[in-house]
Amino acid sequence: MVVNIGRASPLKRLPHRAMVLVAVLLLPGLALAAQPRGVWTGLVQQANTDVAADATFQGDAVNVHFGEHFSCAVPAKFLKDTGAASVYRFGVSTNGGKFCQDLQGRDVTFTPGADGRLAIDFPSSKTTWHGELKSSPAATPQP
């Protein structure tokens, strides 16, 4: 007769191993689930300035277009998920404009709200901008 004192049997460790395997397989899917899809439109604001904005998500990238008085667009690539939020990093402005050029290398965060809207937050050279975007009719529904 063999006595196993102080050591768990391999069968007792099996559920733990199975849970770890399931977590490893599901975590990449959960990270992707937080990324928005489709086209979102709304306003970004700071102090007393409101600017129309739209964000078009495709895969791991987003193109953010700012309306009057900036009239420029800047792409951003997916960087990471932080809880419910997705963080992207702005790249080089596609059509110039000092505002968009100054965003290069800065992070933009998109956070889904309970009301189906998408919060957008990003720093510029002088201040932090906040806004809310709504899914446009052509947008892919959120999972």
C-alpha atoms as a PDB file:
ATOM      1  CA  MET A   1       0.000   0.000   0.000  1.00  0.00           C
ATOM      2  CA  VAL A   2       1.365   3.408  -1.015  1.00  0.00           C
ATOM      3  CA  VAL A   3       0.514   6.434   1.105  1.00  0.00           C
ATOM      4  CA  ASN A   4       0.442   9.843  -0.636  1.00  0.00           C
ATOM      5  CA  ILE A   5       1.063  12.266   2.210  1.00  0.00           C
ATOM      6  CA  GLY A   6       1.356  15.972   1.357  1.00  0.00           C
ATOM      7  CA  ARG A   7       1.001  15.532  -2.395  1.00  0.00           C
ATOM      8  CA  ALA A   8      -2.122  15.943  -4.448  1.00  0.00           C
ATOM      9  CA  SER A   9      -2.914  13.147  -6.813  1.00  0.00           C
ATOM     10  CA  PRO A  10      -2.721  13.878 -10.551  1.00  0.00           C
ATOM     11  CA  LEU A  11      -6.495  13.474 -10.770  1.00  0.00           C
ATOM     12  CA  LYS A  12      -7.061  16.244  -8.219  1.00  0.00           C
ATOM     13  CA  ARG A  13      -4.871  18.601 -10.257  1.00  0.00           C
ATOM     14  CA  LEU A  14      -6.754  17.831 -13.485  1.00  0.00           C
ATOM     15  CA  PRO A  15      -9.617  20.335 -12.946  1.00  0.00           C
ATOM     16  CA  HIS A  16      -7.094  23.123 -12.282  1.00  0.00           C
ATOM     17  CA  ARG A  17      -5.173  22.257 -15.461  1.00  0.00           C
ATOM     18  CA  ALA A  18      -8.387  22.151 -17.459  1.00  0.00           C
ATOM     19  CA  MET A  19      -9.420  25.596 -16.156  1.00  0.00           C
ATOM     20  CA  VAL A  20      -6.026  27.043 -17.064  1.00  0.00           C
ATOM     21  CA  LEU A  21      -6.284  25.563 -20.569  1.00  0.00           C
ATOM     22  CA  VAL A  22      -9.791  26.978 -21.053  1.00  0.00           C
ATOM     23  CA  ALA A  23      -8.655  30.409 -19.816  1.00  0.00           C
ATOM     24  CA  VAL A  24      -5.694  30.422 -22.205  1.00  0.00           C
ATOM     25  CA  LEU A  25      -7.961  29.547 -25.118  1.00  0.00           C
ATOM     26  CA  LEU A  26     -10.678  32.091 -24.253  1.00  0.00           C
ATOM     27  CA  LEU A  27      -8.612  35.139 -23.259  1.00  0.00           C
ATOM     28  CA  PRO A  28      -7.554  36.079 -26.818  1.00  0.00           C
ATOM     29  CA  GLY A  29     -11.224  35.985 -27.867  1.00  0.00           C
ATOM     30  CA  LEU A  30     -12.238  38.186 -24.954  1.00  0.00           C
ATOM     31  CA  ALA A  31      -9.598  40.756 -25.846  1.00  0.00           C
ATOM     32  CA  LEU A  32     -10.873  40.957 -29.412  1.00  0.00           C
ATOM     33  CA  ALA A  33     -14.493  41.204 -28.286  1.00  0.00           C
ATOM     34  CA  ALA A  34     -13.867  44.623 -26.703  1.00  0.00           C
ATOM     35  CA  GLN A  35     -12.684  46.199 -29.952  1.00  0.00           C
ATOM     36  CA  PRO A  36     -15.399  48.266 -31.654  1.00  0.00           C
ATOM     37  CA  ARG A  37     -16.437  47.620 -35.246  1.00  0.00           C
ATOM     38  CA  GLY A  38     -18.042  49.644 -37.989  1.00  0.00           C
ATOM     39  CA  VAL A  39     -18.652  53.383 -38.234  1.00  0.00           C
ATOM     40  CA  TRP A  40     -19.358  55.599 -35.219  1.00  0.00           C
ATOM     41  CA  THR A  41     -20.235  59.315 -35.316  1.00  0.00           C
ATOM     42  CA  GLY A  42     -20.651  62.074 -32.747  1.00  0.00           C
ATOM     43  CA  LEU A  43     -18.867  64.957 -31.047  1.00  0.00           C
ATOM     44  CA  VAL A  44     -15.568  65.379 -29.237  1.00  0.00           C
ATOM     45  CA  GLN A  45     -15.317  68.221 -26.761  1.00  0.00           C
ATOM     46  CA  GLN A  46     -12.909  70.182 -24.614  1.00  0.00           C
ATOM     47  CA  ALA A  47     -13.849  73.262 -22.608  1.00  0.00           C
ATOM     48  CA  ASN A  48     -16.169  75.237 -24.937  1.00  0.00           C
ATOM     49  CA  THR A  49     -15.158  73.594 -28.213  1.00  0.00           C
ATOM     50  CA  ASP A  50     -17.276  70.924 -29.921  1.00  0.00           C
ATOM     51  CA  VAL A  51     -16.004  69.175 -33.049  1.00  0.00           C
ATOM     52  CA  ALA A  52     -17.856  66.596 -35.139  1.00  0.00           C
ATOM     53  CA  ALA A  53     -15.970  63.311 -35.357  1.00  0.00           C
ATOM     54  CA  ASP A  54     -16.399  59.904 -36.890  1.00  0.00           C
ATOM     55  CA  ALA A  55     -14.437  56.733 -36.285  1.00  0.00           C
ATOM     56  CA  THR A  56     -14.301  53.913 -38.818  1.00  0.00           C
ATOM     57  CA  PHE A  57     -13.046  50.627 -37.377  1.00  0.00           C
ATOM     58  CA  GLN A  58     -11.586  47.935 -39.631  1.00  0.00           C
ATOM     59  CA  GLY A  59      -9.774  45.001 -38.068  1.00  0.00           C
ATOM     60  CA  ASP A  60      -7.088  46.274 -35.695  1.00  0.00           C
ATOM     61  CA  ALA A  61      -7.216  49.845 -36.999  1.00  0.00           C
ATOM     62  CA  VAL A  62      -9.444  52.894 -36.784  1.00  0.00           C
ATOM     63  CA  ASN A  63      -9.543  56.032 -38.907  1.00  0.00           C
ATOM     64  CA  VAL A  64     -10.711  59.077 -36.954  1.00  0.00           C
ATOM     65  CA  HIS A  65     -11.978  62.044 -38.988  1.00  0.00           C
ATOM     66  CA  PHE A  66     -12.494  65.447 -37.361  1.00  0.00           C
ATOM     67  CA  GLY A  67     -14.891  67.971 -38.904  1.00  0.00           C
ATOM     68  CA  GLU A  68     -14.775  71.764 -39.006  1.00  0.00           C
ATOM     69  CA  HIS A  69     -12.663  73.586 -37.800  1.00  0.00           C
ATOM     70  CA  PHE A  70      -9.932  70.923 -37.907  1.00  0.00           C
ATOM     71  CA  SER A  71     -11.008  69.096 -41.111  1.00  0.00           C
ATOM     72  CA  CYS A  72      -8.442  66.340 -40.879  1.00  0.00           C
ATOM     73  CA  ALA A  73      -8.176  62.598 -40.384  1.00  0.00           C
ATOM     74  CA  VAL A  74      -5.694  60.398 -38.564  1.00  0.00           C
ATOM     75  CA  PRO A  75      -5.401  56.599 -38.470  1.00  0.00           C
ATOM     76  CA  ALA A  76      -4.687  54.661 -35.289  1.00  0.00           C
ATOM     77  CA  LYS A  77      -3.613  51.061 -34.706  1.00  0.00           C
ATOM     78  CA  PHE A  78      -4.863  48.825 -31.933  1.00  0.00           C
ATOM     79  CA  LEU A  79      -2.481  48.809 -28.967  1.00  0.00           C
ATOM     80  CA  LYS A  80      -4.200  46.965 -26.097  1.00  0.00           C
ATOM     81  CA  ASP A  81      -7.370  46.294 -24.151  1.00  0.00           C
ATOM     82  CA  THR A  82      -7.658  47.659 -20.626  1.00  0.00           C
ATOM     83  CA  GLY A  83     -10.724  46.116 -19.073  1.00  0.00           C
ATOM     84  CA  ALA A  84     -13.689  47.196 -21.188  1.00  0.00           C
ATOM     85  CA  ALA A  85     -11.714  49.878 -23.058  1.00  0.00           C
ATOM     86  CA  SER A  86      -9.700  49.496 -26.266  1.00  0.00           C
ATOM     87  CA  VAL A  87      -6.588  51.645 -26.653  1.00  0.00           C
ATOM     88  CA  TYR A  88      -5.247  52.658 -30.069  1.00  0.00           C
ATOM     89  CA  ARG A  89      -2.165  54.723 -30.973  1.00  0.00           C
ATOM     90  CA  PHE A  90      -2.518  57.558 -33.483  1.00  0.00           C
ATOM     91  CA  GLY A  91      -0.296  57.442 -36.542  1.00  0.00           C
ATOM     92  CA  VAL A  92       0.561  60.015 -39.212  1.00  0.00           C
ATOM     93  CA  SER A  93      -2.292  62.274 -40.331  1.00  0.00           C
ATOM     94  CA  THR A  94      -3.540  61.301 -43.788  1.00  0.00           C
ATOM     95  CA  ASN A  95      -4.334  64.843 -44.910  1.00  0.00           C
ATOM     96  CA  GLY A  96      -2.300  67.158 -42.696  1.00  0.00           C
ATOM     97  CA  GLY A  97      -3.699  69.734 -40.367  1.00  0.00           C
ATOM     98  CA  LYS A  98      -1.800  70.824 -37.274  1.00  0.00           C
ATOM     99  CA  PHE A  99      -4.351  69.326 -34.876  1.00  0.00           C
ATOM    100  CA  CYS A 100      -4.136  65.854 -36.431  1.00  0.00           C
ATOM    101  CA  GLN A 101      -0.362  66.047 -36.929  1.00  0.00           C
ATOM    102  CA  ASP A 102       0.052  66.760 -33.209  1.00  0.00           C
ATOM    103  CA  LEU A 103      -1.894  63.598 -32.340  1.00  0.00           C
ATOM    104  CA  GLN A 104       0.784  61.324 -33.809  1.00  0.00           C
ATOM    105  CA  GLY A 105       2.109  58.931 -31.167  1.00  0.00           C
ATOM    106  CA  ARG A 106      -0.672  59.713 -28.673  1.00  0.00           C
ATOM    107  CA  ASP A 107      -3.160  57.130 -27.445  1.00  0.00           C
ATOM    108  CA  VAL A 108      -6.903  57.251 -28.033  1.00  0.00           C
ATOM    109  CA  THR A 109      -9.226  55.196 -25.827  1.00  0.00           C
ATOM    110  CA  PHE A 110     -12.652  53.875 -26.818  1.00  0.00           C
ATOM    111  CA  THR A 111     -14.944  52.606 -24.055  1.00  0.00           C
ATOM    112  CA  PRO A 112     -18.382  51.096 -24.723  1.00  0.00           C
ATOM    113  CA  GLY A 113     -21.173  52.515 -22.575  1.00  0.00           C
ATOM    114  CA  ALA A 114     -24.213  50.763 -21.158  1.00  0.00           C
ATOM    115  CA  ASP A 115     -26.412  52.904 -23.423  1.00  0.00           C
ATOM    116  CA  GLY A 116     -24.822  51.520 -26.623  1.00  0.00           C
ATOM    117  CA  ARG A 117     -22.663  54.606 -27.166  1.00  0.00           C
ATOM    118  CA  LEU A 118     -18.900  54.633 -27.451  1.00  0.00           C
ATOM    119  CA  ALA A 119     -16.841  57.035 -25.324  1.00  0.00           C
ATOM    120  CA  ILE A 120     -13.712  58.486 -26.951  1.00  0.00           C
ATOM    121  CA  ASP A 121     -10.891  60.084 -24.957  1.00  0.00           C
ATOM    122  CA  PHE A 122      -7.499  61.371 -26.107  1.00  0.00           C
ATOM    123  CA  PRO A 123      -4.938  64.029 -25.204  1.00  0.00           C
ATOM    124  CA  SER A 124      -3.886  66.735 -27.648  1.00  0.00           C
ATOM    125  CA  SER A 125      -0.895  69.043 -27.311  1.00  0.00           C
ATOM    126  CA  LYS A 126      -2.856  71.445 -25.089  1.00  0.00           C
ATOM    127  CA  THR A 127      -5.745  69.583 -23.468  1.00  0.00           C
ATOM    128  CA  THR A 128      -7.683  66.327 -23.183  1.00  0.00           C
ATOM    129  CA  TRP A 129     -10.655  65.683 -25.447  1.00  0.00           C
ATOM    130  CA  HIS A 130     -13.717  63.609 -24.529  1.00  0.00           C
ATOM    131  CA  GLY A 131     -16.740  62.617 -26.520  1.00  0.00           C
ATOM    132  CA  GLU A 132     -19.507  60.172 -27.274  1.00  0.00           C
ATOM    133  CA  LEU A 133     -20.064  58.401 -30.549  1.00  0.00           C
ATOM    134  CA  LYS A 134     -23.162  56.565 -31.763  1.00  0.00           C
ATOM    135  CA  SER A 135     -23.152  53.613 -34.101  1.00  0.00           C
ATOM    136  CA  SER A 136     -24.125  54.723 -37.588  1.00  0.00           C
ATOM    137  CA  PRO A 137     -26.766  52.719 -39.502  1.00  0.00           C
ATOM    138  CA  ALA A 138     -24.031  51.153 -41.647  1.00  0.00           C
ATOM    139  CA  ALA A 139     -22.031  49.996 -38.604  1.00  0.00           C
ATOM    140  CA  THR A 140     -21.524  46.377 -37.682  1.00  0.00           C
ATOM    141  CA  PRO A 141     -23.478  45.627 -34.502  1.00  0.00           C
ATOM    142  CA  GLN A 142     -21.467  45.263 -31.290  1.00  0.00           C
ATOM    143  CA  PRO A 143     -21.312  41.692 -29.892  1.00  0.00           C
END
